[in-house]
């Protein structure tokens, strides 16, 4: 699998999600992951600071990038949205 998470991530204005660019098969994919997913699946405390959300994203890199890659292969798209349900299995 050749996918990686970009280091350029940003918090949405409403602080409900984090946007980032991932690459799968050398193609850039605009992604976002909800705060709820980071809190429930990646150890970000409820109400975490922006820095802590970005750390949770970084710490969960392997699992997040694997999910992006699988979703991209199943349904190729230029953008992918990740939520709690994506990490339930």
PDB file of N, CA and C in Angstrom:
ATOM      1  N   UNK A   1       0.853  -1.168   0.000  1.00  0.00           N
ATOM      2  CA  UNK A   1       0.000   0.000   0.000  1.00  0.00           C
ATOM      3  C   UNK A   1       0.894   1.224   0.000  1.00  0.00           C
ATOM      4  N   UNK A   2       0.588   2.153  -0.880  1.00  0.00           N
ATOM      5  CA  UNK A   2       1.356   3.386  -0.915  1.00  0.00           C
ATOM      6  C   UNK A   2       0.440   4.559  -0.627  1.00  0.00           C
ATOM      7  N   UNK A   3       0.299   4.888   0.631  1.00  0.00           N
ATOM      8  CA  UNK A   3      -0.463   6.073   0.990  1.00  0.00           C
ATOM      9  C   UNK A   3       0.250   6.746   2.141  1.00  0.00           C
ATOM     10  N   UNK A   4       0.105   8.057   2.209  1.00  0.00           N
ATOM     11  CA  UNK A   4       0.714   8.794   3.306  1.00  0.00           C
ATOM     12  C   UNK A   4      -0.160   9.982   3.646  1.00  0.00           C
ATOM     13  N   UNK A   5      -0.016  10.471   4.837  1.00  0.00           N
ATOM     14  CA  UNK A   5      -0.779  11.598   5.325  1.00  0.00           C
ATOM     15  C   UNK A   5       0.077  12.832   5.198  1.00  0.00           C
ATOM     16  N   UNK A   6      -0.476  13.888   4.662  1.00  0.00           N
ATOM     17  CA  UNK A   6       0.311  15.114   4.541  1.00  0.00           C
ATOM     18  C   UNK A   6       0.461  15.754   5.911  1.00  0.00           C
ATOM     19  N   UNK A   7       1.502  16.519   6.086  1.00  0.00           N
ATOM     20  CA  UNK A   7       1.698  17.207   7.353  1.00  0.00           C
ATOM     21  C   UNK A   7       0.897  18.501   7.412  1.00  0.00           C
ATOM     22  N   UNK A   8       0.247  18.845   6.312  1.00  0.00           N
ATOM     23  CA  UNK A   8      -0.538  20.074   6.257  1.00  0.00           C
ATOM     24  C   UNK A   8      -1.990  19.766   6.598  1.00  0.00           C
ATOM     25  N   UNK A   9      -2.325  19.825   7.862  1.00  0.00           N
ATOM     26  CA  UNK A   9      -3.691  19.585   8.313  1.00  0.00           C
ATOM     27  C   UNK A   9      -4.214  20.874   8.928  1.00  0.00           C
ATOM     28  N   UNK A  10      -5.521  21.064   8.839  1.00  0.00           N
ATOM     29  CA  UNK A  10      -6.113  22.264   9.429  1.00  0.00           C
ATOM     30  C   UNK A  10      -7.446  21.928  10.076  1.00  0.00           C
ATOM     31  N   UNK A  11      -7.748  22.679  11.120  1.00  0.00           N
ATOM     32  CA  UNK A  11      -8.994  22.520  11.859  1.00  0.00           C
ATOM     33  C   UNK A  11     -10.068  23.360  11.164  1.00  0.00           C
ATOM     34  N   UNK A  12     -11.272  22.825  11.033  1.00  0.00           N
ATOM     35  CA  UNK A  12     -12.361  23.592  10.424  1.00  0.00           C
ATOM     36  C   UNK A  12     -12.729  24.778  11.317  1.00  0.00           C
ATOM     37  N   UNK A  13     -13.362  25.772  10.732  1.00  0.00           N
ATOM     38  CA  UNK A  13     -13.738  26.981  11.472  1.00  0.00           C
ATOM     39  C   UNK A  13     -14.638  26.665  12.664  1.00  0.00           C
ATOM     40  N   UNK A  14     -15.505  25.670  12.521  1.00  0.00           N
ATOM     41  CA  UNK A  14     -16.395  25.309  13.629  1.00  0.00           C
ATOM     42  C   UNK A  14     -15.771  24.266  14.566  1.00  0.00           C
ATOM     43  N   UNK A  15     -14.527  23.897  14.290  1.00  0.00           N
ATOM     44  CA  UNK A  15     -13.755  22.938  15.085  1.00  0.00           C
ATOM     45  C   UNK A  15     -14.388  21.539  15.114  1.00  0.00           C
ATOM     46  N   UNK A  16     -15.227  21.233  14.125  1.00  0.00           N
ATOM     47  CA  UNK A  16     -15.910  19.943  14.081  1.00  0.00           C
ATOM     48  C   UNK A  16     -15.146  18.884  13.298  1.00  0.00           C
ATOM     49  N   UNK A  17     -14.106  19.295  12.565  1.00  0.00           N
ATOM     50  CA  UNK A  17     -13.348  18.327  11.774  1.00  0.00           C
ATOM     51  C   UNK A  17     -11.947  18.848  11.491  1.00  0.00           C
ATOM     52  N   UNK A  18     -11.118  17.933  11.020  1.00  0.00           N
ATOM     53  CA  UNK A  18      -9.752  18.264  10.615  1.00  0.00           C
ATOM     54  C   UNK A  18      -9.617  17.875   9.147  1.00  0.00           C
ATOM     55  N   UNK A  19      -9.109  18.790   8.346  1.00  0.00           N
ATOM     56  CA  UNK A  19      -8.888  18.540   6.918  1.00  0.00           C
ATOM     57  C   UNK A  19      -7.416  18.261   6.669  1.00  0.00           C
ATOM     58  N   UNK A  20      -7.154  17.380   5.722  1.00  0.00           N
ATOM     59  CA  UNK A  20      -5.780  17.044   5.370  1.00  0.00           C
ATOM     60  C   UNK A  20      -5.769  16.453   3.970  1.00  0.00           C
ATOM     61  N   UNK A  21      -4.608  16.354   3.402  1.00  0.00           N
ATOM     62  CA  UNK A  21      -4.447  15.726   2.094  1.00  0.00           C
ATOM     63  C   UNK A  21      -3.719  14.409   2.299  1.00  0.00           C
ATOM     64  N   UNK A  22      -4.289  13.348   1.751  1.00  0.00           N
ATOM     65  CA  UNK A  22      -3.647  12.037   1.780  1.00  0.00           C
ATOM     66  C   UNK A  22      -3.349  11.651   0.338  1.00  0.00           C
ATOM     67  N   UNK A  23      -2.458  10.707   0.178  1.00  0.00           N
ATOM     68  CA  UNK A  23      -2.100  10.238  -1.153  1.00  0.00           C
ATOM     69  C   UNK A  23      -2.319   8.742  -1.213  1.00  0.00           C
ATOM     70  N   UNK A  24      -2.979   8.302  -2.264  1.00  0.00           N
ATOM     71  CA  UNK A  24      -3.176   6.884  -2.502  1.00  0.00           C
ATOM     72  C   UNK A  24      -2.860   6.634  -3.959  1.00  0.00           C
ATOM     73  N   UNK A  25      -1.946   5.717  -4.190  1.00  0.00           N
ATOM     74  CA  UNK A  25      -1.510   5.424  -5.558  1.00  0.00           C
ATOM     75  C   UNK A  25      -1.089   6.698  -6.276  1.00  0.00           C
ATOM     76  N   UNK A  26      -0.342   7.522  -5.552  1.00  0.00           N
ATOM     77  CA  UNK A  26       0.240   8.752  -6.098  1.00  0.00           C
ATOM     78  C   UNK A  26      -0.802   9.799  -6.477  1.00  0.00           C
ATOM     79  N   UNK A  27      -2.023   9.647  -5.997  1.00  0.00           N
ATOM     80  CA  UNK A  27      -3.077  10.620  -6.270  1.00  0.00           C
ATOM     81  C   UNK A  27      -3.425  11.352  -4.977  1.00  0.00           C
ATOM     82  N   UNK A  28      -3.481  12.686  -5.042  1.00  0.00           N
ATOM     83  CA  UNK A  28      -3.843  13.495  -3.875  1.00  0.00           C
ATOM     84  C   UNK A  28      -5.346  13.407  -3.638  1.00  0.00           C
ATOM     85  N   UNK A  29      -5.713  13.219  -2.379  1.00  0.00           N
ATOM     86  CA  UNK A  29      -7.118  13.116  -1.998  1.00  0.00           C
ATOM     87  C   UNK A  29      -7.364  14.089  -0.855  1.00  0.00           C
ATOM     88  N   UNK A  30      -8.316  14.992  -1.032  1.00  0.00           N
ATOM     89  CA  UNK A  30      -8.687  15.914   0.038  1.00  0.00           C
ATOM     90  C   UNK A  30      -9.540  15.135   1.032  1.00  0.00           C
ATOM     91  N   UNK A  31      -9.130  15.120   2.296  1.00  0.00           N
ATOM     92  CA  UNK A  31      -9.820  14.326   3.309  1.00  0.00           C
ATOM     93  C   UNK A  31     -10.223  15.194   4.490  1.00  0.00           C
ATOM     94  N   UNK A  32     -11.233  14.729   5.201  1.00  0.00           N
ATOM     95  CA  UNK A  32     -11.514  15.311   6.502  1.00  0.00           C
ATOM     96  C   UNK A  32     -11.985  14.210   7.428  1.00  0.00           C
ATOM     97  N   UNK A  33     -11.656  14.388   8.689  1.00  0.00           N
ATOM     98  CA  UNK A  33     -12.040  13.444   9.730  1.00  0.00           C
ATOM     99  C   UNK A  33     -12.737  14.236  10.820  1.00  0.00           C
ATOM    100  N   UNK A  34     -13.828  13.717  11.319  1.00  0.00           N
ATOM    101  CA  UNK A  34     -14.595  14.456  12.311  1.00  0.00           C
ATOM    102  C   UNK A  34     -13.891  14.470  13.664  1.00  0.00           C
ATOM    103  N   UNK A  35     -14.174  15.514  14.416  1.00  0.00           N
ATOM    104  CA  UNK A  35     -13.692  15.614  15.800  1.00  0.00           C
ATOM    105  C   UNK A  35     -14.186  14.403  16.588  1.00  0.00           C
ATOM    106  N   UNK A  36     -15.441  14.026  16.353  1.00  0.00           N
ATOM    107  CA  UNK A  36     -16.027  12.888  17.056  1.00  0.00           C
ATOM    108  C   UNK A  36     -15.211  11.616  16.819  1.00  0.00           C
ATOM    109  N   UNK A  37     -14.768  11.398  15.579  1.00  0.00           N
ATOM    110  CA  UNK A  37     -13.948  10.217  15.277  1.00  0.00           C
ATOM    111  C   UNK A  37     -12.610  10.293  16.003  1.00  0.00           C
ATOM    112  N   UNK A  38     -11.999  11.472  16.029  1.00  0.00           N
ATOM    113  CA  UNK A  38     -10.718  11.620  16.733  1.00  0.00           C
ATOM    114  C   UNK A  38     -10.895  11.408  18.231  1.00  0.00           C
ATOM    115  N   UNK A  39     -12.027  11.865  18.781  1.00  0.00           N
ATOM    116  CA  UNK A  39     -12.280  11.695  20.211  1.00  0.00           C
ATOM    117  C   UNK A  39     -12.597  10.244  20.558  1.00  0.00           C
ATOM    118  N   UNK A  40     -13.413   9.592  19.750  1.00  0.00           N
ATOM    119  CA  UNK A  40     -13.858   8.242  20.085  1.00  0.00           C
ATOM    120  C   UNK A  40     -12.901   7.138  19.645  1.00  0.00           C
ATOM    121  N   UNK A  41     -12.101   7.403  18.627  1.00  0.00           N
ATOM    122  CA  UNK A  41     -11.270   6.339  18.067  1.00  0.00           C
ATOM    123  C   UNK A  41      -9.771   6.599  18.153  1.00  0.00           C
ATOM    124  N   UNK A  42      -9.375   7.830  18.452  1.00  0.00           N
ATOM    125  CA  UNK A  42      -7.952   8.179  18.423  1.00  0.00           C
ATOM    126  C   UNK A  42      -7.495   8.943  19.658  1.00  0.00           C
ATOM    127  N   UNK A  43      -8.160   8.759  20.755  1.00  0.00           N
ATOM    128  CA  UNK A  43      -7.708   9.232  22.061  1.00  0.00           C
ATOM    129  C   UNK A  43      -7.620  10.745  22.229  1.00  0.00           C
ATOM    130  N   UNK A  44      -8.297  11.511  21.392  1.00  0.00           N
ATOM    131  CA  UNK A  44      -8.357  12.961  21.625  1.00  0.00           C
ATOM    132  C   UNK A  44      -9.400  13.193  22.717  1.00  0.00           C
ATOM    133  N   UNK A  45      -9.048  13.943  23.761  1.00  0.00           N
ATOM    134  CA  UNK A  45     -10.030  14.210  24.812  1.00  0.00           C
ATOM    135  C   UNK A  45     -11.196  15.048  24.273  1.00  0.00           C
ATOM    136  N   UNK A  46     -12.382  14.848  24.833  1.00  0.00           N
ATOM    137  CA  UNK A  46     -13.534  15.664  24.458  1.00  0.00           C
ATOM    138  C   UNK A  46     -13.188  17.124  24.734  1.00  0.00           C
ATOM    139  N   UNK A  47     -13.438  17.980  23.753  1.00  0.00           N
ATOM    140  CA  UNK A  47     -13.123  19.403  23.894  1.00  0.00           C
ATOM    141  C   UNK A  47     -11.647  19.719  23.753  1.00  0.00           C
ATOM    142  N   UNK A  48     -10.894  18.824  23.149  1.00  0.00           N
ATOM    143  CA  UNK A  48      -9.439  18.994  23.015  1.00  0.00           C
ATOM    144  C   UNK A  48      -9.090  20.268  22.249  1.00  0.00           C
ATOM    145  N   UNK A  49      -7.924  20.787  22.549  1.00  0.00           N
ATOM    146  CA  UNK A  49      -7.404  21.953  21.824  1.00  0.00           C
ATOM    147  C   UNK A  49      -7.088  21.556  20.386  1.00  0.00           C
ATOM    148  N   UNK A  50      -6.914  22.566  19.542  1.00  0.00           N
ATOM    149  CA  UNK A  50      -6.546  22.302  18.148  1.00  0.00           C
ATOM    150  C   UNK A  50      -5.259  21.493  18.074  1.00  0.00           C
ATOM    151  N   UNK A  51      -4.291  21.846  18.906  1.00  0.00           N
ATOM    152  CA  UNK A  51      -3.009  21.135  18.904  1.00  0.00           C
ATOM    153  C   UNK A  51      -3.196  19.661  19.248  1.00  0.00           C
ATOM    154  N   UNK A  52      -4.071  19.378  20.202  1.00  0.00           N
ATOM    155  CA  UNK A  52      -4.304  17.989  20.614  1.00  0.00           C
ATOM    156  C   UNK A  52      -5.024  17.205  19.520  1.00  0.00           C
ATOM    157  N   UNK A  53      -5.945  17.874  18.805  1.00  0.00           N
ATOM    158  CA  UNK A  53      -6.611  17.203  17.685  1.00  0.00           C
ATOM    159  C   UNK A  53      -5.604  16.836  16.603  1.00  0.00           C
ATOM    160  N   UNK A  54      -4.697  17.765  16.308  1.00  0.00           N
ATOM    161  CA  UNK A  54      -3.676  17.495  15.295  1.00  0.00           C
ATOM    162  C   UNK A  54      -2.734  16.384  15.748  1.00  0.00           C
ATOM    163  N   UNK A  55      -2.452  16.327  17.042  1.00  0.00           N
ATOM    164  CA  UNK A  55      -1.605  15.252  17.572  1.00  0.00           C
ATOM    165  C   UNK A  55      -2.321  13.905  17.438  1.00  0.00           C
ATOM    166  N   UNK A  56      -3.616  13.879  17.735  1.00  0.00           N
ATOM    167  CA  UNK A  56      -4.385  12.637  17.588  1.00  0.00           C
ATOM    168  C   UNK A  56      -4.376  12.178  16.130  1.00  0.00           C
ATOM    169  N   UNK A  57      -4.497  13.123  15.212  1.00  0.00           N
ATOM    170  CA  UNK A  57      -4.429  12.797  13.786  1.00  0.00           C
ATOM    171  C   UNK A  57      -3.065  12.204  13.445  1.00  0.00           C
ATOM    172  N   UNK A  58      -2.023  12.840  13.921  1.00  0.00           N
ATOM    173  CA  UNK A  58      -0.664  12.367  13.657  1.00  0.00           C
ATOM    174  C   UNK A  58      -0.415  10.997  14.294  1.00  0.00           C
ATOM    175  N   UNK A  59      -0.841  10.839  15.537  1.00  0.00           N
ATOM    176  CA  UNK A  59      -0.636   9.568  16.238  1.00  0.00           C
ATOM    177  C   UNK A  59      -1.401   8.417  15.583  1.00  0.00           C
ATOM    178  N   UNK A  60      -2.547   8.718  14.994  1.00  0.00           N
ATOM    179  CA  UNK A  60      -3.365   7.692  14.354  1.00  0.00           C
ATOM    180  C   UNK A  60      -3.087   7.533  12.873  1.00  0.00           C
ATOM    181  N   UNK A  61      -1.969   8.073  12.426  1.00  0.00           N
ATOM    182  CA  UNK A  61      -1.596   8.109  11.004  1.00  0.00           C
ATOM    183  C   UNK A  61      -1.807   6.785  10.274  1.00  0.00           C
ATOM    184  N   UNK A  62      -1.268   5.717  10.804  1.00  0.00           N
ATOM    185  CA  UNK A  62      -1.323   4.445  10.076  1.00  0.00           C
ATOM    186  C   UNK A  62      -2.751   3.971   9.866  1.00  0.00           C
ATOM    187  N   UNK A  63      -3.540   4.011  10.909  1.00  0.00           N
ATOM    188  CA  UNK A  63      -4.923   3.547  10.813  1.00  0.00           C
ATOM    189  C   UNK A  63      -5.764   4.466   9.922  1.00  0.00           C
ATOM    190  N   UNK A  64      -5.569   5.769  10.054  1.00  0.00           N
ATOM    191  CA  UNK A  64      -6.314   6.731   9.240  1.00  0.00           C
ATOM    192  C   UNK A  64      -5.948   6.583   7.767  1.00  0.00           C
ATOM    193  N   UNK A  65      -4.666   6.507   7.471  1.00  0.00           N
ATOM    194  CA  UNK A  65      -4.251   6.396   6.066  1.00  0.00           C
ATOM    195  C   UNK A  65      -4.706   5.072   5.457  1.00  0.00           C
ATOM    196  N   UNK A  66      -4.735   4.015   6.255  1.00  0.00           N
ATOM    197  CA  UNK A  66      -5.231   2.731   5.750  1.00  0.00           C
ATOM    198  C   UNK A  66      -6.710   2.831   5.390  1.00  0.00           C
ATOM    199  N   UNK A  67      -7.479   3.509   6.231  1.00  0.00           N
ATOM    200  CA  UNK A  67      -8.912   3.676   5.949  1.00  0.00           C
ATOM    201  C   UNK A  67      -9.122   4.540   4.704  1.00  0.00           C
ATOM    202  N   UNK A  68      -8.355   5.620   4.570  1.00  0.00           N
ATOM    203  CA  UNK A  68      -8.444   6.465   3.370  1.00  0.00           C
ATOM    204  C   UNK A  68      -8.154   5.616   2.135  1.00  0.00           C
ATOM    205  N   UNK A  69      -7.096   4.834   2.192  1.00  0.00           N
ATOM    206  CA  UNK A  69      -6.706   4.002   1.051  1.00  0.00           C
ATOM    207  C   UNK A  69      -7.823   3.019   0.681  1.00  0.00           C
ATOM    208  N   UNK A  70      -8.399   2.350   1.683  1.00  0.00           N
ATOM    209  CA  UNK A  70      -9.473   1.385   1.409  1.00  0.00           C
ATOM    210  C   UNK A  70     -10.712   2.064   0.826  1.00  0.00           C
ATOM    211  N   UNK A  71     -11.082   3.219   1.396  1.00  0.00           N
ATOM    212  CA  UNK A  71     -12.251   3.936   0.868  1.00  0.00           C
ATOM    213  C   UNK A  71     -11.992   4.406  -0.562  1.00  0.00           C
ATOM    214  N   UNK A  72     -10.778   4.859  -0.819  1.00  0.00           N
ATOM    215  CA  UNK A  72     -10.432   5.328  -2.160  1.00  0.00           C
ATOM    216  C   UNK A  72     -10.491   4.186  -3.170  1.00  0.00           C
ATOM    217  N   UNK A  73      -9.976   3.022  -2.797  1.00  0.00           N
ATOM    218  CA  UNK A  73     -10.003   1.881  -3.713  1.00  0.00           C
ATOM    219  C   UNK A  73     -11.435   1.414  -3.979  1.00  0.00           C
ATOM    220  N   UNK A  74     -12.280   1.462  -2.952  1.00  0.00           N
ATOM    221  CA  UNK A  74     -13.666   1.027  -3.111  1.00  0.00           C
ATOM    222  C   UNK A  74     -14.487   2.022  -3.928  1.00  0.00           C
ATOM    223  N   UNK A  75     -14.223   3.309  -3.730  1.00  0.00           N
ATOM    224  CA  UNK A  75     -14.983   4.373  -4.398  1.00  0.00           C
ATOM    225  C   UNK A  75     -14.039   5.518  -4.721  1.00  0.00           C
ATOM    226  N   UNK A  76     -13.295   5.429  -5.817  1.00  0.00           N
ATOM    227  CA  UNK A  76     -12.348   6.497  -6.157  1.00  0.00           C
ATOM    228  C   UNK A  76     -13.034   7.864  -6.184  1.00  0.00           C
ATOM    229  N   UNK A  77     -12.419   8.809  -5.514  1.00  0.00           N
ATOM    230  CA  UNK A  77     -12.983  10.147  -5.396  1.00  0.00           C
ATOM    231  C   UNK A  77     -11.858  11.124  -5.100  1.00  0.00           C
ATOM    232  N   UNK A  78     -12.105  12.387  -5.361  1.00  0.00           N
ATOM    233  CA  UNK A  78     -11.088  13.398  -5.048  1.00  0.00           C
ATOM    234  C   UNK A  78     -11.187  13.860  -3.603  1.00  0.00           C
ATOM    235  N   UNK A  79     -12.243  13.417  -2.884  1.00  0.00           N
ATOM    236  CA  UNK A  79     -12.366  13.770  -1.468  1.00  0.00           C
ATOM    237  C   UNK A  79     -12.960  12.600  -0.693  1.00  0.00           C
ATOM    238  N   UNK A  80     -12.526  12.477   0.548  1.00  0.00           N
ATOM    239  CA  UNK A  80     -12.996  11.401   1.418  1.00  0.00           C
ATOM    240  C   UNK A  80     -13.297  11.984   2.788  1.00  0.00           C
ATOM    241  N   UNK A  81     -14.462  11.600   3.321  1.00  0.00           N
ATOM    242  CA  UNK A  81     -14.890  12.035   4.649  1.00  0.00           C
ATOM    243  C   UNK A  81     -14.819  10.828   5.583  1.00  0.00           C
ATOM    244  N   UNK A  82     -14.192  11.002   6.728  1.00  0.00           N
ATOM    245  CA  UNK A  82     -14.068   9.923   7.711  1.00  0.00           C
ATOM    246  C   UNK A  82     -14.833  10.289   8.977  1.00  0.00           C
ATOM    247  N   UNK A  83     -15.596   9.331   9.490  1.00  0.00           N
ATOM    248  CA  UNK A  83     -16.355   9.528  10.721  1.00  0.00           C
ATOM    249  C   UNK A  83     -16.188   8.279  11.586  1.00  0.00           C
ATOM    250  N   UNK A  84     -16.801   8.283  12.734  1.00  0.00           N
ATOM    251  CA  UNK A  84     -16.673   7.176  13.691  1.00  0.00           C
ATOM    252  C   UNK A  84     -16.980   5.835  13.032  1.00  0.00           C
ATOM    253  N   UNK A  85     -18.018   5.771  12.230  1.00  0.00           N
ATOM    254  CA  UNK A  85     -18.438   4.517  11.602  1.00  0.00           C
ATOM    255  C   UNK A  85     -17.330   3.898  10.748  1.00  0.00           C
ATOM    256  N   UNK A  86     -16.460   4.715  10.204  1.00  0.00           N
ATOM    257  CA  UNK A  86     -15.372   4.199   9.368  1.00  0.00           C
ATOM    258  C   UNK A  86     -14.340   3.411  10.166  1.00  0.00           C
ATOM    259  N   UNK A  87     -14.313   3.609  11.471  1.00  0.00           N
ATOM    260  CA  UNK A  87     -13.320   2.937  12.312  1.00  0.00           C
ATOM    261  C   UNK A  87     -13.963   1.939  13.267  1.00  0.00           C
ATOM    262  N   UNK A  88     -15.230   1.621  13.047  1.00  0.00           N
ATOM    263  CA  UNK A  88     -15.971   0.739  13.943  1.00  0.00           C
ATOM    264  C   UNK A  88     -15.521  -0.713  13.849  1.00  0.00           C
ATOM    265  N   UNK A  89     -14.973  -1.111  12.721  1.00  0.00           N
ATOM    266  CA  UNK A  89     -14.600  -2.523  12.568  1.00  0.00           C
ATOM    267  C   UNK A  89     -13.172  -2.780  12.953  1.00  0.00           C
TER     268      UNK A  89
END
